């Protein structure tokens, strides 16, 4: 299992305990480099408009749980759309 797969597994089991840098690693892998890097937020571009959005925030070294869930939803949608083609 790759490092990204390990992090995603952790995200599914415990969305509250995910380090911000690990969430960024996963998002960089699936969505490319973030559009915004200068603030506490990182915003990632998705191939669709609207939800699920991928916007994560560094909260004392952790990613916020609701944002981790949004990342997981976005990955599921991305994988579904890639397999539907």
N, C-alpha and C. Protein backbone atom coordinates (compact mmCIF):
# COMPACT_ATOMS: atom_id res chain seq x y z
N UNK A 1 0.85 -1.18 0.00
CA UNK A 1 0.00 0.00 0.00
C UNK A 1 0.89 1.24 0.00
N UNK A 2 0.53 2.22 -0.80
CA UNK A 2 1.36 3.43 -0.88
C UNK A 2 1.09 4.35 0.31
N UNK A 3 1.96 5.30 0.48
CA UNK A 3 1.82 6.28 1.56
C UNK A 3 0.49 7.02 1.44
N UNK A 4 0.09 7.41 0.23
CA UNK A 4 -1.17 8.12 0.01
C UNK A 4 -2.34 7.23 0.45
N UNK A 5 -2.31 5.96 0.07
CA UNK A 5 -3.37 5.03 0.46
C UNK A 5 -3.45 4.88 1.97
N UNK A 6 -2.30 4.86 2.63
CA UNK A 6 -2.26 4.77 4.10
C UNK A 6 -2.92 5.99 4.73
N UNK A 7 -2.62 7.17 4.20
CA UNK A 7 -3.20 8.40 4.74
C UNK A 7 -4.71 8.40 4.52
N UNK A 8 -5.16 8.00 3.34
CA UNK A 8 -6.60 7.96 3.06
C UNK A 8 -7.30 6.99 3.99
N UNK A 9 -6.67 5.86 4.27
CA UNK A 9 -7.24 4.91 5.22
C UNK A 9 -7.38 5.54 6.60
N UNK A 10 -6.36 6.27 7.03
CA UNK A 10 -6.43 6.99 8.31
C UNK A 10 -7.53 8.05 8.29
N UNK A 11 -7.68 8.73 7.17
CA UNK A 11 -8.71 9.76 7.04
C UNK A 11 -10.10 9.16 7.22
N UNK A 12 -10.31 7.98 6.67
CA UNK A 12 -11.62 7.32 6.79
C UNK A 12 -11.87 6.86 8.23
N UNK A 13 -10.84 6.36 8.88
CA UNK A 13 -11.00 5.85 10.25
C UNK A 13 -11.14 6.96 11.28
N UNK A 14 -10.37 8.04 11.11
CA UNK A 14 -10.34 9.09 12.13
C UNK A 14 -10.12 10.46 11.49
N UNK A 15 -11.19 11.08 10.97
CA UNK A 15 -11.02 12.37 10.29
C UNK A 15 -10.52 13.49 11.21
N UNK A 16 -10.66 13.32 12.51
CA UNK A 16 -10.21 14.35 13.45
C UNK A 16 -8.70 14.33 13.68
N UNK A 17 -8.06 13.21 13.41
CA UNK A 17 -6.66 13.06 13.77
C UNK A 17 -5.68 13.20 12.62
N UNK A 18 -6.07 13.87 11.55
CA UNK A 18 -5.22 13.95 10.35
C UNK A 18 -4.35 15.20 10.40
N UNK A 19 -3.08 15.00 10.21
CA UNK A 19 -2.16 16.14 10.16
C UNK A 19 -2.41 16.94 8.89
N UNK A 20 -2.25 18.24 9.00
CA UNK A 20 -2.46 19.14 7.87
C UNK A 20 -1.54 18.79 6.71
N UNK A 21 -0.28 18.48 6.99
CA UNK A 21 0.66 18.16 5.92
C UNK A 21 0.27 16.88 5.19
N UNK A 22 -0.32 15.92 5.91
CA UNK A 22 -0.78 14.69 5.27
C UNK A 22 -2.00 14.96 4.37
N UNK A 23 -2.90 15.80 4.84
CA UNK A 23 -4.05 16.19 4.03
C UNK A 23 -3.58 16.90 2.76
N UNK A 24 -2.58 17.75 2.89
CA UNK A 24 -2.02 18.45 1.73
C UNK A 24 -1.39 17.46 0.76
N UNK A 25 -0.69 16.46 1.27
CA UNK A 25 -0.07 15.43 0.43
C UNK A 25 -1.12 14.71 -0.42
N UNK A 26 -2.22 14.35 0.21
CA UNK A 26 -3.30 13.65 -0.50
C UNK A 26 -3.91 14.57 -1.56
N UNK A 27 -4.19 15.81 -1.19
CA UNK A 27 -4.79 16.75 -2.13
C UNK A 27 -3.85 17.05 -3.30
N UNK A 28 -2.58 17.22 -3.02
CA UNK A 28 -1.60 17.47 -4.09
C UNK A 28 -1.59 16.28 -5.06
N UNK A 29 -1.69 15.08 -4.53
CA UNK A 29 -1.68 13.87 -5.36
C UNK A 29 -2.90 13.81 -6.28
N UNK A 30 -4.08 14.09 -5.74
CA UNK A 30 -5.31 13.95 -6.51
C UNK A 30 -5.68 15.19 -7.32
N UNK A 31 -5.38 16.38 -6.81
CA UNK A 31 -5.89 17.61 -7.42
C UNK A 31 -4.80 18.55 -7.91
N UNK A 32 -3.55 18.18 -7.74
CA UNK A 32 -2.46 19.06 -8.16
C UNK A 32 -2.17 20.09 -7.09
N UNK A 33 -1.29 20.99 -7.42
CA UNK A 33 -0.87 22.02 -6.48
C UNK A 33 -2.04 22.96 -6.15
N UNK A 34 -2.08 23.42 -4.92
CA UNK A 34 -3.17 24.30 -4.51
C UNK A 34 -3.09 25.65 -5.21
N UNK A 35 -4.26 26.28 -5.37
CA UNK A 35 -4.33 27.59 -6.02
C UNK A 35 -3.93 28.69 -5.06
N UNK A 36 -4.04 28.43 -3.78
CA UNK A 36 -3.74 29.45 -2.78
C UNK A 36 -2.80 28.85 -1.75
N UNK A 37 -1.70 29.53 -1.50
CA UNK A 37 -0.71 29.03 -0.54
C UNK A 37 -0.30 30.05 0.51
N UNK A 38 -0.67 31.28 0.36
CA UNK A 38 -0.13 32.35 1.19
C UNK A 38 -0.81 32.48 2.56
N UNK A 39 -2.00 31.93 2.72
CA UNK A 39 -2.70 32.06 3.99
C UNK A 39 -2.77 30.72 4.71
N UNK A 40 -3.60 30.64 5.72
CA UNK A 40 -3.75 29.38 6.46
C UNK A 40 -4.59 28.37 5.69
N UNK A 41 -5.23 28.81 4.62
CA UNK A 41 -6.05 27.94 3.79
C UNK A 41 -5.29 27.50 2.54
N UNK A 42 -5.63 26.30 2.07
CA UNK A 42 -5.16 25.83 0.76
C UNK A 42 -6.40 25.45 -0.02
N UNK A 43 -6.53 26.01 -1.21
CA UNK A 43 -7.69 25.77 -2.05
C UNK A 43 -7.23 25.00 -3.28
N UNK A 44 -7.89 23.87 -3.54
CA UNK A 44 -7.52 23.01 -4.66
C UNK A 44 -8.59 23.07 -5.74
N UNK A 45 -8.15 23.03 -6.97
CA UNK A 45 -9.07 23.07 -8.11
C UNK A 45 -9.58 21.66 -8.41
N UNK A 46 -10.89 21.57 -8.64
CA UNK A 46 -11.51 20.30 -9.02
C UNK A 46 -12.08 20.44 -10.42
N UNK A 47 -12.29 19.33 -11.12
CA UNK A 47 -12.80 19.40 -12.49
C UNK A 47 -14.30 19.72 -12.56
N UNK A 48 -14.96 19.96 -11.44
CA UNK A 48 -16.37 20.30 -11.41
C UNK A 48 -16.55 21.60 -10.64
N UNK A 49 -17.72 22.19 -10.79
CA UNK A 49 -18.04 23.39 -10.03
C UNK A 49 -18.86 23.00 -8.81
N UNK A 50 -18.71 23.73 -7.75
CA UNK A 50 -19.52 23.49 -6.55
C UNK A 50 -18.95 22.40 -5.67
N UNK A 51 -19.83 21.83 -4.86
CA UNK A 51 -19.43 20.85 -3.87
C UNK A 51 -19.18 19.49 -4.50
N UNK A 52 -18.35 18.65 -3.97
CA UNK A 52 -17.53 18.95 -2.79
C UNK A 52 -16.32 19.81 -3.16
N UNK A 53 -16.19 20.87 -2.43
CA UNK A 53 -15.04 21.76 -2.61
C UNK A 53 -13.86 21.17 -1.84
N UNK A 54 -12.68 21.55 -2.26
CA UNK A 54 -11.48 21.09 -1.55
C UNK A 54 -10.74 22.32 -1.08
N UNK A 55 -10.98 22.66 0.17
CA UNK A 55 -10.41 23.83 0.81
C UNK A 55 -10.02 23.38 2.21
N UNK A 56 -8.74 23.34 2.49
CA UNK A 56 -8.32 22.86 3.80
C UNK A 56 -7.61 23.96 4.57
N UNK A 57 -7.66 23.84 5.87
CA UNK A 57 -7.15 24.87 6.76
C UNK A 57 -6.27 24.23 7.83
N UNK A 58 -5.15 24.89 8.10
CA UNK A 58 -4.23 24.43 9.13
C UNK A 58 -4.74 24.91 10.48
N UNK A 59 -5.18 23.98 11.30
CA UNK A 59 -5.67 24.29 12.64
C UNK A 59 -4.71 23.67 13.65
N UNK A 60 -3.67 24.40 13.98
CA UNK A 60 -2.65 23.94 14.94
C UNK A 60 -2.03 22.62 14.51
N UNK A 61 -1.72 22.53 13.21
CA UNK A 61 -1.04 21.34 12.69
C UNK A 61 -1.96 20.23 12.22
N UNK A 62 -3.25 20.37 12.46
CA UNK A 62 -4.23 19.35 12.06
C UNK A 62 -5.15 19.93 10.98
N UNK A 63 -5.72 19.04 10.19
CA UNK A 63 -6.77 19.43 9.25
C UNK A 63 -8.10 19.31 9.99
N UNK A 64 -9.03 20.18 9.67
CA UNK A 64 -10.33 20.12 10.31
C UNK A 64 -11.10 18.90 9.80
N UNK A 65 -11.82 18.24 10.71
CA UNK A 65 -12.50 16.98 10.39
C UNK A 65 -13.50 17.14 9.24
N UNK A 66 -14.28 18.21 9.23
CA UNK A 66 -15.26 18.36 8.16
C UNK A 66 -14.57 18.57 6.82
N UNK A 67 -13.39 19.17 6.82
CA UNK A 67 -12.64 19.35 5.59
C UNK A 67 -12.04 18.03 5.11
N UNK A 68 -11.63 17.18 6.03
CA UNK A 68 -11.13 15.85 5.68
C UNK A 68 -12.24 15.06 5.01
N UNK A 69 -13.46 15.17 5.54
CA UNK A 69 -14.61 14.48 4.94
C UNK A 69 -14.88 15.01 3.54
N UNK A 70 -14.72 16.32 3.33
CA UNK A 70 -14.90 16.90 2.01
C UNK A 70 -13.85 16.36 1.03
N UNK A 71 -12.63 16.20 1.50
CA UNK A 71 -11.56 15.65 0.66
C UNK A 71 -11.94 14.23 0.22
N UNK A 72 -12.41 13.43 1.16
CA UNK A 72 -12.79 12.05 0.85
C UNK A 72 -13.93 12.01 -0.17
N UNK A 73 -14.92 12.88 0.00
CA UNK A 73 -16.03 12.94 -0.97
C UNK A 73 -15.53 13.35 -2.35
N UNK A 74 -14.62 14.31 -2.38
CA UNK A 74 -14.08 14.78 -3.66
C UNK A 74 -13.28 13.67 -4.35
N UNK A 75 -12.52 12.91 -3.59
CA UNK A 75 -11.75 11.79 -4.16
C UNK A 75 -12.71 10.74 -4.71
N UNK A 76 -13.77 10.43 -3.96
CA UNK A 76 -14.76 9.45 -4.43
C UNK A 76 -15.39 9.91 -5.74
N UNK A 77 -15.75 11.19 -5.80
CA UNK A 77 -16.37 11.70 -7.02
C UNK A 77 -15.38 11.66 -8.19
N UNK A 78 -14.14 12.05 -7.93
CA UNK A 78 -13.12 12.05 -8.97
C UNK A 78 -12.91 10.63 -9.51
N UNK A 79 -12.81 9.66 -8.62
CA UNK A 79 -12.62 8.27 -9.04
C UNK A 79 -13.82 7.75 -9.80
N UNK A 80 -15.03 8.12 -9.35
CA UNK A 80 -16.25 7.69 -10.04
C UNK A 80 -16.29 8.26 -11.44
N UNK A 81 -15.99 9.56 -11.58
CA UNK A 81 -16.04 10.19 -12.89
C UNK A 81 -14.95 9.65 -13.82
N UNK A 82 -13.79 9.31 -13.27
CA UNK A 82 -12.72 8.75 -14.09
C UNK A 82 -13.05 7.33 -14.56
N UNK A 83 -13.77 6.57 -13.74
CA UNK A 83 -14.13 5.20 -14.12
C UNK A 83 -15.35 5.18 -15.04
N UNK A 84 -16.15 6.24 -15.01
CA UNK A 84 -17.35 6.30 -15.86
C UNK A 84 -17.02 6.64 -17.31
N UNK A 85 -15.86 7.15 -17.54
CA UNK A 85 -15.49 7.58 -18.90
C UNK A 85 -15.08 6.42 -19.75
